[in-house]
């Protein structure tokens, strides 16, 4: 029942916010990477496979509506209505008011996941944004949850949320699978 409710909520977010722009984050301090391996303004290490959960939409609600994933080059890959995006971490942080970071429990999972993500992004850098596509198929069509699920599923053999590859329109919040992910930091 929770999955159905979350799916309905996700579709509602998509219908309302699909044409909206991601508004810049209101900055609390200067954002920069001190040595290329820490999240902006923190001493928290950026690691391949990290998941960055954020709100989305004009109102920037406090509810999760988007997710990005850190690749092997420590950049964030995410899917937006304009297609796949590859952002430097500081640029990604400037787009959102609040970010919660999860990382894989095992670091080799993060590396394997990021390796698959890099190959997927390399093969389909212009993937179309489509929410109603099955998680495990149609590589040329992506949405934020789907690219994260595929990277973990095909890169590390981990099925975040235990979904069928035929599942569609999964809300990002449902990927927070505590069997495989640990929270790194809440609401940066």
C-alpha atoms as a PDB file:
ATOM      1  CA  UNK A   1       0.000   0.000   0.000  1.00  0.00           C
ATOM      2  CA  UNK A   2       2.900   2.373   0.816  1.00  0.00           C
ATOM      3  CA  UNK A   3       4.432   1.761  -2.606  1.00  0.00           C
ATOM      4  CA  UNK A   4       1.140   2.535  -4.353  1.00  0.00           C
ATOM      5  CA  UNK A   5       0.706   5.748  -2.341  1.00  0.00           C
ATOM      6  CA  UNK A   6       4.311   6.752  -3.025  1.00  0.00           C
ATOM      7  CA  UNK A   7       3.839   5.988  -6.733  1.00  0.00           C
ATOM      8  CA  UNK A   8       0.737   8.161  -6.882  1.00  0.00           C
ATOM      9  CA  UNK A   9       2.585  10.933  -5.038  1.00  0.00           C
ATOM     10  CA  UNK A  10       5.492  10.626  -7.480  1.00  0.00           C
ATOM     11  CA  UNK A  11       3.190  10.903 -10.486  1.00  0.00           C
ATOM     12  CA  UNK A  12       1.588  13.961  -8.920  1.00  0.00           C
ATOM     13  CA  UNK A  13       5.036  15.538  -8.462  1.00  0.00           C
ATOM     14  CA  UNK A  14       5.800  14.754 -12.103  1.00  0.00           C
ATOM     15  CA  UNK A  15       2.559  16.201 -13.413  1.00  0.00           C
ATOM     16  CA  UNK A  16       2.896  19.379 -11.365  1.00  0.00           C
ATOM     17  CA  UNK A  17       6.617  19.958 -11.598  1.00  0.00           C
ATOM     18  CA  UNK A  18       7.744  18.405 -14.851  1.00  0.00           C
ATOM     19  CA  UNK A  19       7.920  21.747 -16.649  1.00  0.00           C
ATOM     20  CA  UNK A  20       9.278  23.695 -13.706  1.00  0.00           C
ATOM     21  CA  UNK A  21      12.877  24.730 -13.532  1.00  0.00           C
ATOM     22  CA  UNK A  22      15.172  23.684 -10.753  1.00  0.00           C
ATOM     23  CA  UNK A  23      15.648  26.882  -8.795  1.00  0.00           C
ATOM     24  CA  UNK A  24      19.004  27.860  -7.348  1.00  0.00           C
ATOM     25  CA  UNK A  25      19.784  26.892  -3.805  1.00  0.00           C
ATOM     26  CA  UNK A  26      19.825  29.729  -1.314  1.00  0.00           C
ATOM     27  CA  UNK A  27      23.415  29.728  -0.173  1.00  0.00           C
ATOM     28  CA  UNK A  28      24.344  29.733   3.500  1.00  0.00           C
ATOM     29  CA  UNK A  29      28.055  30.125   2.844  1.00  0.00           C
ATOM     30  CA  UNK A  30      30.581  30.071   0.031  1.00  0.00           C
ATOM     31  CA  UNK A  31      30.471  26.747  -1.777  1.00  0.00           C
ATOM     32  CA  UNK A  32      33.739  25.199  -2.921  1.00  0.00           C
ATOM     33  CA  UNK A  33      35.574  21.936  -2.772  1.00  0.00           C
ATOM     34  CA  UNK A  34      38.605  22.206  -0.540  1.00  0.00           C
ATOM     35  CA  UNK A  35      40.622  19.466  -2.204  1.00  0.00           C
ATOM     36  CA  UNK A  36      38.250  17.948  -4.731  1.00  0.00           C
ATOM     37  CA  UNK A  37      36.944  15.160  -2.515  1.00  0.00           C
ATOM     38  CA  UNK A  38      34.581  16.737   0.038  1.00  0.00           C
ATOM     39  CA  UNK A  39      31.013  17.954  -0.232  1.00  0.00           C
ATOM     40  CA  UNK A  40      30.791  21.767  -0.306  1.00  0.00           C
ATOM     41  CA  UNK A  41      31.269  23.403   3.085  1.00  0.00           C
ATOM     42  CA  UNK A  42      31.790  20.058   4.870  1.00  0.00           C
ATOM     43  CA  UNK A  43      34.407  17.492   5.763  1.00  0.00           C
ATOM     44  CA  UNK A  44      32.203  14.731   4.299  1.00  0.00           C
ATOM     45  CA  UNK A  45      33.975  12.754   1.605  1.00  0.00           C
ATOM     46  CA  UNK A  46      32.417  12.423  -1.856  1.00  0.00           C
ATOM     47  CA  UNK A  47      32.378   8.761  -2.869  1.00  0.00           C
ATOM     48  CA  UNK A  48      31.303   6.931  -6.033  1.00  0.00           C
ATOM     49  CA  UNK A  49      27.756   5.605  -5.749  1.00  0.00           C
ATOM     50  CA  UNK A  50      26.605   8.250  -3.244  1.00  0.00           C
ATOM     51  CA  UNK A  51      22.951   9.182  -3.689  1.00  0.00           C
ATOM     52  CA  UNK A  52      21.884  12.811  -3.307  1.00  0.00           C
ATOM     53  CA  UNK A  53      18.173  13.164  -2.485  1.00  0.00           C
ATOM     54  CA  UNK A  54      16.618  16.598  -2.940  1.00  0.00           C
ATOM     55  CA  UNK A  55      13.282  18.360  -3.206  1.00  0.00           C
ATOM     56  CA  UNK A  56      12.243  19.533  -6.656  1.00  0.00           C
ATOM     57  CA  UNK A  57       9.808  22.052  -8.027  1.00  0.00           C
ATOM     58  CA  UNK A  58       9.157  25.768  -7.851  1.00  0.00           C
ATOM     59  CA  UNK A  59       8.209  25.753  -4.183  1.00  0.00           C
ATOM     60  CA  UNK A  60      11.191  23.601  -3.142  1.00  0.00           C
ATOM     61  CA  UNK A  61       9.147  21.723  -0.596  1.00  0.00           C
ATOM     62  CA  UNK A  62      10.844  19.748   2.132  1.00  0.00           C
ATOM     63  CA  UNK A  63       9.788  16.471   0.499  1.00  0.00           C
ATOM     64  CA  UNK A  64      12.136  14.424  -1.666  1.00  0.00           C
ATOM     65  CA  UNK A  65      11.306  14.525  -5.342  1.00  0.00           C
ATOM     66  CA  UNK A  66      14.666  14.046  -7.063  1.00  0.00           C
ATOM     67  CA  UNK A  67      17.838  11.971  -6.776  1.00  0.00           C
ATOM     68  CA  UNK A  68      21.284  12.213  -8.314  1.00  0.00           C
ATOM     69  CA  UNK A  69      24.149   9.728  -8.145  1.00  0.00           C
ATOM     70  CA  UNK A  70      27.907  10.292  -7.911  1.00  0.00           C
ATOM     71  CA  UNK A  71      29.862   8.710 -10.766  1.00  0.00           C
ATOM     72  CA  UNK A  72      33.441   7.436 -10.914  1.00  0.00           C
ATOM     73  CA  UNK A  73      34.799  10.945 -11.578  1.00  0.00           C
ATOM     74  CA  UNK A  74      32.962  12.304  -8.496  1.00  0.00           C
ATOM     75  CA  UNK A  75      30.418  14.206 -10.592  1.00  0.00           C
ATOM     76  CA  UNK A  76      26.647  13.960 -10.182  1.00  0.00           C
ATOM     77  CA  UNK A  77      24.562  12.271 -12.875  1.00  0.00           C
ATOM     78  CA  UNK A  78      20.828  12.891 -12.779  1.00  0.00           C
ATOM     79  CA  UNK A  79      17.880  12.953 -15.126  1.00  0.00           C
ATOM     80  CA  UNK A  80      15.803  16.086 -15.588  1.00  0.00           C
ATOM     81  CA  UNK A  81      13.088  16.976 -18.124  1.00  0.00           C
ATOM     82  CA  UNK A  82      15.782  18.339 -20.474  1.00  0.00           C
ATOM     83  CA  UNK A  83      17.550  14.920 -20.414  1.00  0.00           C
ATOM     84  CA  UNK A  84      20.535  13.511 -18.551  1.00  0.00           C
ATOM     85  CA  UNK A  85      22.684  16.011 -16.705  1.00  0.00           C
ATOM     86  CA  UNK A  86      26.271  15.737 -15.482  1.00  0.00           C
ATOM     87  CA  UNK A  87      27.119  18.322 -12.830  1.00  0.00           C
ATOM     88  CA  UNK A  88      30.154  19.117 -10.762  1.00  0.00           C
ATOM     89  CA  UNK A  89      29.225  18.660  -7.105  1.00  0.00           C
ATOM     90  CA  UNK A  90      29.267  22.409  -6.255  1.00  0.00           C
ATOM     91  CA  UNK A  91      26.999  23.160  -9.232  1.00  0.00           C
ATOM     92  CA  UNK A  92      24.570  20.435  -8.148  1.00  0.00           C
ATOM     93  CA  UNK A  93      24.518  21.820  -4.608  1.00  0.00           C
ATOM     94  CA  UNK A  94      23.663  25.294  -5.911  1.00  0.00           C
ATOM     95  CA  UNK A  95      20.493  23.960  -7.568  1.00  0.00           C
ATOM     96  CA  UNK A  96      18.826  22.752  -4.394  1.00  0.00           C
ATOM     97  CA  UNK A  97      17.939  24.121  -0.993  1.00  0.00           C
ATOM     98  CA  UNK A  98      18.354  20.831   0.854  1.00  0.00           C
ATOM     99  CA  UNK A  99      20.323  17.659   0.108  1.00  0.00           C
ATOM    100  CA  UNK A 100      20.372  14.367   2.011  1.00  0.00           C
ATOM    101  CA  UNK A 101      23.184  11.979   1.128  1.00  0.00           C
ATOM    102  CA  UNK A 102      23.121   8.190   1.314  1.00  0.00           C
ATOM    103  CA  UNK A 103      26.099   5.988   0.526  1.00  0.00           C
ATOM    104  CA  UNK A 104      26.469   2.268  -0.078  1.00  0.00           C
ATOM    105  CA  UNK A 105      27.187   0.208   3.025  1.00  0.00           C
ATOM    106  CA  UNK A 106      30.105  -1.413   1.162  1.00  0.00           C
ATOM    107  CA  UNK A 107      32.534   0.854  -0.723  1.00  0.00           C
ATOM    108  CA  UNK A 108      33.178  -1.684  -3.514  1.00  0.00           C
ATOM    109  CA  UNK A 109      29.440  -1.508  -4.274  1.00  0.00           C
ATOM    110  CA  UNK A 110      29.812   2.231  -4.834  1.00  0.00           C
ATOM    111  CA  UNK A 111      32.744   1.744  -7.195  1.00  0.00           C
ATOM    112  CA  UNK A 112      30.977  -1.001  -9.194  1.00  0.00           C
ATOM    113  CA  UNK A 113      27.787   1.035  -9.342  1.00  0.00           C
ATOM    114  CA  UNK A 114      29.669   4.133 -10.519  1.00  0.00           C
ATOM    115  CA  UNK A 115      31.510   2.120 -13.156  1.00  0.00           C
ATOM    116  CA  UNK A 116      28.226   0.925 -14.656  1.00  0.00           C
ATOM    117  CA  UNK A 117      26.790   4.451 -14.383  1.00  0.00           C
ATOM    118  CA  UNK A 118      29.753   5.855 -16.330  1.00  0.00           C
ATOM    119  CA  UNK A 119      29.233   3.270 -19.094  1.00  0.00           C
ATOM    120  CA  UNK A 120      25.478   3.949 -19.189  1.00  0.00           C
ATOM    121  CA  UNK A 121      25.977   7.717 -19.339  1.00  0.00           C
ATOM    122  CA  UNK A 122      28.678   7.254 -21.997  1.00  0.00           C
ATOM    123  CA  UNK A 123      26.354   5.164 -24.157  1.00  0.00           C
ATOM    124  CA  UNK A 124      23.222   7.314 -23.689  1.00  0.00           C
ATOM    125  CA  UNK A 125      24.267  10.883 -22.794  1.00  0.00           C
ATOM    126  CA  UNK A 126      21.166  12.256 -24.505  1.00  0.00           C
ATOM    127  CA  UNK A 127      18.635   9.812 -23.036  1.00  0.00           C
ATOM    128  CA  UNK A 128      15.105  11.176 -23.213  1.00  0.00           C
ATOM    129  CA  UNK A 129      13.274  11.984 -19.982  1.00  0.00           C
ATOM    130  CA  UNK A 130      10.422   9.480 -19.580  1.00  0.00           C
ATOM    131  CA  UNK A 131       8.850   8.545 -16.246  1.00  0.00           C
ATOM    132  CA  UNK A 132       6.545   5.789 -17.468  1.00  0.00           C
ATOM    133  CA  UNK A 133       9.287   3.446 -18.687  1.00  0.00           C
ATOM    134  CA  UNK A 134      10.235   0.154 -17.033  1.00  0.00           C
ATOM    135  CA  UNK A 135      13.179   0.335 -14.631  1.00  0.00           C
ATOM    136  CA  UNK A 136      15.206  -2.415 -16.259  1.00  0.00           C
ATOM    137  CA  UNK A 137      14.761  -1.649 -19.936  1.00  0.00           C
ATOM    138  CA  UNK A 138      14.756   1.133 -22.536  1.00  0.00           C
ATOM    139  CA  UNK A 139      18.203   2.519 -21.715  1.00  0.00           C
ATOM    140  CA  UNK A 140      17.610   5.480 -24.039  1.00  0.00           C
ATOM    141  CA  UNK A 141      14.742   6.684 -21.784  1.00  0.00           C
ATOM    142  CA  UNK A 142      15.537   7.737 -18.220  1.00  0.00           C
ATOM    143  CA  UNK A 143      14.237   9.491 -15.134  1.00  0.00           C
ATOM    144  CA  UNK A 144      16.109  10.172 -11.910  1.00  0.00           C
ATOM    145  CA  UNK A 145      15.035   7.044 -10.013  1.00  0.00           C
ATOM    146  CA  UNK A 146      15.530   4.785 -13.001  1.00  0.00           C
ATOM    147  CA  UNK A 147      19.162   5.686 -13.706  1.00  0.00           C
ATOM    148  CA  UNK A 148      20.038   5.186 -10.021  1.00  0.00           C
ATOM    149  CA  UNK A 149      18.186   1.855  -9.844  1.00  0.00           C
ATOM    150  CA  UNK A 150      19.868   0.622 -13.049  1.00  0.00           C
ATOM    151  CA  UNK A 151      23.336   1.623 -11.846  1.00  0.00           C
ATOM    152  CA  UNK A 152      22.916  -0.343  -8.605  1.00  0.00           C
ATOM    153  CA  UNK A 153      21.061  -3.279 -10.178  1.00  0.00           C
ATOM    154  CA  UNK A 154      23.301  -3.864 -13.185  1.00  0.00           C
ATOM    155  CA  UNK A 155      26.529  -2.491 -11.696  1.00  0.00           C
ATOM    156  CA  UNK A 156      26.446  -4.219  -8.305  1.00  0.00           C
ATOM    157  CA  UNK A 157      23.583  -6.708  -8.410  1.00  0.00           C
ATOM    158  CA  UNK A 158      21.614  -4.705  -5.829  1.00  0.00           C
ATOM    159  CA  UNK A 159      17.895  -4.187  -6.308  1.00  0.00           C
ATOM    160  CA  UNK A 160      17.162  -1.017  -4.324  1.00  0.00           C
ATOM    161  CA  UNK A 161      13.591  -1.355  -3.063  1.00  0.00           C
ATOM    162  CA  UNK A 162      13.253  -4.908  -4.442  1.00  0.00           C
ATOM    163  CA  UNK A 163      11.428  -3.765  -7.587  1.00  0.00           C
ATOM    164  CA  UNK A 164      10.741  -5.777 -10.699  1.00  0.00           C
ATOM    165  CA  UNK A 165      12.686  -4.559 -13.741  1.00  0.00           C
ATOM    166  CA  UNK A 166       9.203  -4.017 -15.237  1.00  0.00           C
ATOM    167  CA  UNK A 167       8.161  -1.537 -12.499  1.00  0.00           C
ATOM    168  CA  UNK A 168       7.417   2.018 -13.675  1.00  0.00           C
ATOM    169  CA  UNK A 169       7.286   5.486 -12.133  1.00  0.00           C
ATOM    170  CA  UNK A 170       9.045   4.717  -8.845  1.00  0.00           C
ATOM    171  CA  UNK A 171       9.449   7.695  -6.509  1.00  0.00           C
ATOM    172  CA  UNK A 172      13.064   8.472  -5.489  1.00  0.00           C
ATOM    173  CA  UNK A 173      12.195   8.192  -1.782  1.00  0.00           C
ATOM    174  CA  UNK A 174      11.561   4.473  -2.296  1.00  0.00           C
ATOM    175  CA  UNK A 175      15.204   3.838  -3.209  1.00  0.00           C
ATOM    176  CA  UNK A 176      16.361   4.481   0.370  1.00  0.00           C
ATOM    177  CA  UNK A 177      16.910   0.780   0.996  1.00  0.00           C
ATOM    178  CA  UNK A 178      18.624   0.503   4.392  1.00  0.00           C
ATOM    179  CA  UNK A 179      19.802  -3.033   3.641  1.00  0.00           C
ATOM    180  CA  UNK A 180      22.312  -1.585   1.168  1.00  0.00           C
ATOM    181  CA  UNK A 181      22.508   2.149   1.921  1.00  0.00           C
ATOM    182  CA  UNK A 182      23.437   4.170   4.977  1.00  0.00           C
ATOM    183  CA  UNK A 183      22.649   7.784   5.609  1.00  0.00           C
ATOM    184  CA  UNK A 184      25.744   9.939   5.340  1.00  0.00           C
ATOM    185  CA  UNK A 185      24.216  13.316   6.184  1.00  0.00           C
ATOM    186  CA  UNK A 186      20.711  14.810   6.409  1.00  0.00           C
ATOM    187  CA  UNK A 187      19.657  18.105   4.888  1.00  0.00           C
ATOM    188  CA  UNK A 188      22.852  19.867   3.905  1.00  0.00           C
END
